[in-house]
Every structure is written in C-alpha cells, then in structure tokens.
Amino acid sequence: MAGHTQNEIVIAAPLDLVWDMTNDVANWPRLFSEYASAEILSQEGNRTTFRLTMHPDENGTVWSWVSEREPDRDTLSVKARRVETGPFAYMNIRWQYAEVPQGTRMVWTQDFEMRPDAPVDDAWMTDNINRNSKVQLALIRDRIEKAAADRGSVPSVTD
C-alpha cells in the first residue's frame, strides 16, 4: 500500500508573489520552520537540485536529503521528487497553484512508499505528513501574507 496525501491552503496574496516565494528554494529556511538549510546543488533549465537539512528532531537526529524540483509557470505546477530517498522507496510531490477570489490556492500532493526496512510504515508517514503539512502551510501562508502586506499587494476580496 503506497502513501498519498493532499493538503491545501488559500493565501491572501497575489499568485506571482506566492509563486516566487515558494519556488525560491534557497530561502526555504525562512519560509518553512522545519528546514535549517537549503543548499542549491545544481540548476539545469527549470530543474533545481538541492539538499535540504532539517533542524534536529526530538532525539537530536538531523535529517538531510537531496531533492529536485521543476516548476512549470505555464501550468502553475511544480513536480518534485527525492533523489536521495532515505527511508522512502520513492517520494514524489506535486505543487499546484490557482488564482481564487481570496488570493492564491496552493495544493501539495505527495505520493510515496516507505521501504520495507524503514522505521515507520506508509500509514504512519501519511499521518505524519498530513499533520506537518497543515503546520507548514499555515506558516507559509502567514509569512507570504505578511510579505504581501509589507508590499501593499494584498488582493481585494469582492463579495
């Protein structure tokens, strides 16, 4: 049984700002609370390969892995995957963006499978990703909305 999650949030900010901030991988440690660093390893065309390193977990373990992502501005989507899969057999992530009356909807879809020897199973990881995604999406929303307010670019909401 493979894992699948889908989480979304509406951000009261223009699509261009949401797109730019969420696709600026080098600045992810300022956007997400879980990443201590994001190191760009290579860029080829639209594809960015990078290393993410998390803050130490409750046991003091620091998790780090290499991922790649390829944004497609025309389709308002990003395809991403872990290159160094660690405990995952695979991890694929799709980000989708849409303009909505309240600003921008951002949707994260994650498809994965844990390795048989991983310390947790697909069900545990699905619950963990769903819990953490809600926290990170709310934080990203708040930080982008603050940036939009600072720039005077908050979308007007029509009734």
C-alpha atoms as a PDB file:
ATOM      1  CA  MET A   1       0.000   0.000   0.000  1.00  0.00           C
ATOM      2  CA  ALA A   2       1.521   3.316  -1.055  1.00  0.00           C
ATOM      3  CA  GLY A   3       1.067   6.584   0.819  1.00  0.00           C
ATOM      4  CA  HIS A   4      -0.843   9.535  -0.598  1.00  0.00           C
ATOM      5  CA  THR A   5      -1.570  12.930   0.925  1.00  0.00           C
ATOM      6  CA  GLN A   6      -3.155  16.097  -0.362  1.00  0.00           C
ATOM      7  CA  ASN A   7      -3.170  19.337   1.613  1.00  0.00           C
ATOM      8  CA  GLU A   8      -4.054  22.843   0.532  1.00  0.00           C
ATOM      9  CA  ILE A   9      -4.336  26.391   1.749  1.00  0.00           C
ATOM     10  CA  VAL A  10      -5.562  29.723   0.414  1.00  0.00           C
ATOM     11  CA  ILE A  11      -3.104  32.578   0.756  1.00  0.00           C
ATOM     12  CA  ALA A  12      -4.380  36.178   0.630  1.00  0.00           C
ATOM     13  CA  ALA A  13      -1.626  37.268  -1.737  1.00  0.00           C
ATOM     14  CA  PRO A  14      -1.170  37.583  -5.497  1.00  0.00           C
ATOM     15  CA  LEU A  15      -0.233  34.460  -7.436  1.00  0.00           C
ATOM     16  CA  ASP A  16       3.068  35.957  -8.618  1.00  0.00           C
ATOM     17  CA  LEU A  17       4.215  36.596  -5.047  1.00  0.00           C
ATOM     18  CA  VAL A  18       3.150  33.136  -3.844  1.00  0.00           C
ATOM     19  CA  TRP A  19       4.843  31.516  -6.850  1.00  0.00           C
ATOM     20  CA  ASP A  20       8.071  33.488  -6.426  1.00  0.00           C
ATOM     21  CA  MET A  21       8.391  32.957  -2.670  1.00  0.00           C
ATOM     22  CA  THR A  22       7.536  29.248  -2.677  1.00  0.00           C
ATOM     23  CA  ASN A  23       9.857  28.498  -5.603  1.00  0.00           C
ATOM     24  CA  ASP A  24      12.839  30.316  -4.084  1.00  0.00           C
ATOM     25  CA  VAL A  25      14.366  27.146  -2.634  1.00  0.00           C
ATOM     26  CA  ALA A  26      17.451  28.912  -1.251  1.00  0.00           C
ATOM     27  CA  ASN A  27      15.136  30.920   1.038  1.00  0.00           C
ATOM     28  CA  TRP A  28      13.043  27.963   2.243  1.00  0.00           C
ATOM     29  CA  PRO A  29      14.626  28.063   5.727  1.00  0.00           C
ATOM     30  CA  ARG A  30      12.936  31.488   6.115  1.00  0.00           C
ATOM     31  CA  LEU A  31       9.618  30.174   4.761  1.00  0.00           C
ATOM     32  CA  PHE A  32       9.398  26.754   6.475  1.00  0.00           C
ATOM     33  CA  SER A  33      10.128  26.209  10.176  1.00  0.00           C
ATOM     34  CA  GLU A  34      11.468  22.663   9.689  1.00  0.00           C
ATOM     35  CA  TYR A  35      14.460  23.395   7.429  1.00  0.00           C
ATOM     36  CA  ALA A  36      17.774  24.517   8.886  1.00  0.00           C
ATOM     37  CA  SER A  37      19.308  24.914   5.428  1.00  0.00           C
ATOM     38  CA  ALA A  38      18.627  24.573   1.716  1.00  0.00           C
ATOM     39  CA  GLU A  39      21.720  24.241  -0.440  1.00  0.00           C
ATOM     40  CA  ILE A  40      21.358  24.575  -4.213  1.00  0.00           C
ATOM     41  CA  LEU A  41      23.494  21.879  -5.828  1.00  0.00           C
ATOM     42  CA  SER A  42      22.707  22.496  -9.497  1.00  0.00           C
ATOM     43  CA  GLN A  43      20.315  24.218 -11.852  1.00  0.00           C
ATOM     44  CA  GLU A  44      19.613  22.986 -15.368  1.00  0.00           C
ATOM     45  CA  GLY A  45      16.875  24.842 -17.181  1.00  0.00           C
ATOM     46  CA  ASN A  46      13.895  24.913 -14.805  1.00  0.00           C
ATOM     47  CA  ARG A  47      15.179  21.957 -12.742  1.00  0.00           C
ATOM     48  CA  THR A  48      16.837  22.695  -9.413  1.00  0.00           C
ATOM     49  CA  THR A  49      18.660  20.002  -7.441  1.00  0.00           C
ATOM     50  CA  PHE A  50      19.149  20.866  -3.787  1.00  0.00           C
ATOM     51  CA  ARG A  51      19.950  19.483  -0.345  1.00  0.00           C
ATOM     52  CA  LEU A  52      17.515  20.106   2.488  1.00  0.00           C
ATOM     53  CA  THR A  53      18.672  19.752   6.070  1.00  0.00           C
ATOM     54  CA  MET A  54      16.169  19.776   8.886  1.00  0.00           C
ATOM     55  CA  HIS A  55      16.579  21.098  12.403  1.00  0.00           C
ATOM     56  CA  PRO A  56      17.407  18.297  14.865  1.00  0.00           C
ATOM     57  CA  ASP A  57      14.394  16.199  15.847  1.00  0.00           C
ATOM     58  CA  GLU A  58      13.362  15.397  19.440  1.00  0.00           C
ATOM     59  CA  ASN A  59      16.121  12.738  19.559  1.00  0.00           C
ATOM     60  CA  GLY A  60      18.775  15.116  18.226  1.00  0.00           C
ATOM     61  CA  THR A  61      18.850  13.439  14.801  1.00  0.00           C
ATOM     62  CA  VAL A  62      19.450  15.748  11.839  1.00  0.00           C
ATOM     63  CA  TRP A  63      17.752  14.538   8.645  1.00  0.00           C
ATOM     64  CA  SER A  64      19.110  15.626   5.269  1.00  0.00           C
ATOM     65  CA  TRP A  65      18.417  14.578   1.694  1.00  0.00           C
ATOM     66  CA  VAL A  66      18.748  15.676  -1.931  1.00  0.00           C
ATOM     67  CA  SER A  67      15.629  16.559  -3.914  1.00  0.00           C
ATOM     68  CA  GLU A  68      14.897  18.087  -7.270  1.00  0.00           C
ATOM     69  CA  ARG A  69      12.016  20.237  -8.408  1.00  0.00           C
ATOM     70  CA  GLU A  70      10.918  21.549 -11.741  1.00  0.00           C
ATOM     71  CA  PRO A  71       8.442  24.428 -11.787  1.00  0.00           C
ATOM     72  CA  ASP A  72       6.234  24.967 -14.837  1.00  0.00           C
ATOM     73  CA  ARG A  73       4.857  28.501 -14.758  1.00  0.00           C
ATOM     74  CA  ASP A  74       2.553  27.834 -17.731  1.00  0.00           C
ATOM     75  CA  THR A  75       0.660  25.085 -15.880  1.00  0.00           C
ATOM     76  CA  LEU A  76       1.087  26.687 -12.433  1.00  0.00           C
ATOM     77  CA  SER A  77       2.543  23.457 -11.124  1.00  0.00           C
ATOM     78  CA  VAL A  78       5.782  22.025  -9.791  1.00  0.00           C
ATOM     79  CA  LYS A  79       6.946  18.427  -9.946  1.00  0.00           C
ATOM     80  CA  ALA A  80       9.392  17.433  -7.237  1.00  0.00           C
ATOM     81  CA  ARG A  81      10.972  14.229  -6.028  1.00  0.00           C
ATOM     82  CA  ARG A  82      13.519  12.998  -3.572  1.00  0.00           C
ATOM     83  CA  VAL A  83      16.745  11.950  -5.280  1.00  0.00           C
ATOM     84  CA  GLU A  84      18.192  10.576  -2.032  1.00  0.00           C
ATOM     85  CA  THR A  85      15.146   8.699  -0.839  1.00  0.00           C
ATOM     86  CA  GLY A  86      16.353   7.632   2.617  1.00  0.00           C
ATOM     87  CA  PRO A  87      13.568   5.599   4.295  1.00  0.00           C
ATOM     88  CA  PHE A  88      11.299   6.078   1.254  1.00  0.00           C
ATOM     89  CA  ALA A  89      11.180   3.701  -1.709  1.00  0.00           C
ATOM     90  CA  TYR A  90      10.141   6.876  -3.557  1.00  0.00           C
ATOM     91  CA  MET A  91       8.703  10.306  -2.756  1.00  0.00           C
ATOM     92  CA  ASN A  92       7.035  12.415  -5.450  1.00  0.00           C
ATOM     93  CA  ILE A  93       5.474  15.779  -4.719  1.00  0.00           C
ATOM     94  CA  ARG A  94       3.278  17.974  -6.892  1.00  0.00           C
ATOM     95  CA  TRP A  95       2.588  21.599  -6.048  1.00  0.00           C
ATOM     96  CA  GLN A  96      -0.373  23.219  -7.798  1.00  0.00           C
ATOM     97  CA  TYR A  97      -1.341  26.884  -7.720  1.00  0.00           C
ATOM     98  CA  ALA A  98      -4.570  28.620  -8.715  1.00  0.00           C
ATOM     99  CA  GLU A  99      -5.878  32.152  -8.529  1.00  0.00           C
ATOM    100  CA  VAL A 100      -9.033  32.299  -6.417  1.00  0.00           C
ATOM    101  CA  PRO A 101     -11.120  35.314  -5.314  1.00  0.00           C
ATOM    102  CA  GLN A 102      -9.371  35.299  -1.899  1.00  0.00           C
ATOM    103  CA  GLY A 103      -5.855  35.212  -3.410  1.00  0.00           C
ATOM    104  CA  THR A 104      -3.960  32.040  -4.320  1.00  0.00           C
ATOM    105  CA  ARG A 105      -4.752  28.405  -3.581  1.00  0.00           C
ATOM    106  CA  MET A 106      -1.707  26.194  -3.153  1.00  0.00           C
ATOM    107  CA  VAL A 107      -2.108  22.395  -3.103  1.00  0.00           C
ATOM    108  CA  TRP A 108       0.541  19.863  -2.112  1.00  0.00           C
ATOM    109  CA  THR A 109       0.090  16.269  -3.248  1.00  0.00           C
ATOM    110  CA  GLN A 110       2.605  13.697  -2.026  1.00  0.00           C
ATOM    111  CA  ASP A 111       2.818  10.125  -3.297  1.00  0.00           C
ATOM    112  CA  PHE A 112       5.319   7.838  -1.621  1.00  0.00           C
ATOM    113  CA  GLU A 113       6.099   4.411  -0.325  1.00  0.00           C
ATOM    114  CA  MET A 114       8.208   3.533   2.677  1.00  0.00           C
ATOM    115  CA  ARG A 115      10.980   0.976   2.304  1.00  0.00           C
ATOM    116  CA  PRO A 116      10.278  -2.387   3.969  1.00  0.00           C
ATOM    117  CA  ASP A 117      13.129  -1.741   6.444  1.00  0.00           C
ATOM    118  CA  ALA A 118      12.015   1.841   7.255  1.00  0.00           C
ATOM    119  CA  PRO A 119      11.336   2.532  10.942  1.00  0.00           C
ATOM    120  CA  VAL A 120       7.713   3.522  10.115  1.00  0.00           C
ATOM    121  CA  ASP A 121       5.096   2.319   7.639  1.00  0.00           C
ATOM    122  CA  ASP A 122       3.074   4.124   4.947  1.00  0.00           C
ATOM    123  CA  ALA A 123       0.113   4.749   7.273  1.00  0.00           C
ATOM    124  CA  TRP A 124       2.300   6.327   9.971  1.00  0.00           C
ATOM    125  CA  MET A 125       4.069   8.530   7.413  1.00  0.00           C
ATOM    126  CA  THR A 126       0.749   9.567   5.826  1.00  0.00           C
ATOM    127  CA  ASP A 127      -0.496  10.775   9.223  1.00  0.00           C
ATOM    128  CA  ASN A 128       2.818  12.492   9.935  1.00  0.00           C
ATOM    129  CA  ILE A 129       2.884  14.292   6.569  1.00  0.00           C
ATOM    130  CA  ASN A 130      -0.754  15.387   6.936  1.00  0.00           C
ATOM    131  CA  ARG A 131      -0.094  16.791  10.429  1.00  0.00           C
ATOM    132  CA  ASN A 132       3.121  18.553   9.443  1.00  0.00           C
ATOM    133  CA  SER A 133       1.771  19.884   6.132  1.00  0.00           C
ATOM    134  CA  LYS A 134      -1.013  21.743   7.949  1.00  0.00           C
ATOM    135  CA  VAL A 135       1.544  23.405  10.237  1.00  0.00           C
ATOM    136  CA  GLN A 136       3.925  24.332   7.399  1.00  0.00           C
ATOM    137  CA  LEU A 137       1.154  25.550   5.058  1.00  0.00           C
ATOM    138  CA  ALA A 138      -0.243  27.842   7.769  1.00  0.00           C
ATOM    139  CA  LEU A 139       3.239  29.213   8.473  1.00  0.00           C
ATOM    140  CA  ILE A 140       3.916  29.767   4.759  1.00  0.00           C
ATOM    141  CA  ARG A 141       0.525  31.487   4.392  1.00  0.00           C
ATOM    142  CA  ASP A 142       1.273  33.813   7.295  1.00  0.00           C
ATOM    143  CA  ARG A 143       4.757  34.685   6.029  1.00  0.00           C
ATOM    144  CA  ILE A 144       3.609  35.318   2.454  1.00  0.00           C
ATOM    145  CA  GLU A 145       0.601  37.354   3.614  1.00  0.00           C
ATOM    146  CA  LYS A 146       2.956  39.484   5.732  1.00  0.00           C
ATOM    147  CA  ALA A 147       5.224  39.998   2.709  1.00  0.00           C
ATOM    148  CA  ALA A 148       2.174  40.945   0.610  1.00  0.00           C
ATOM    149  CA  ALA A 149       1.010  43.437   3.250  1.00  0.00           C
ATOM    150  CA  ASP A 150       4.514  44.909   3.514  1.00  0.00           C
ATOM    151  CA  ARG A 151       4.495  45.417  -0.275  1.00  0.00           C
ATOM    152  CA  GLY A 152       0.928  46.696  -0.366  1.00  0.00           C
ATOM    153  CA  SER A 153      -0.098  43.843  -2.668  1.00  0.00           C
ATOM    154  CA  VAL A 154      -2.892  42.158  -0.751  1.00  0.00           C
ATOM    155  CA  PRO A 155      -5.682  41.163  -3.171  1.00  0.00           C
ATOM    156  CA  SER A 156      -9.008  42.875  -2.751  1.00  0.00           C
ATOM    157  CA  VAL A 157     -11.767  40.466  -1.783  1.00  0.00           C
ATOM    158  CA  THR A 158     -15.063  41.008  -3.557  1.00  0.00           C
ATOM    159  CA  ASP A 159     -18.361  39.892  -2.074  1.00  0.00           C
END
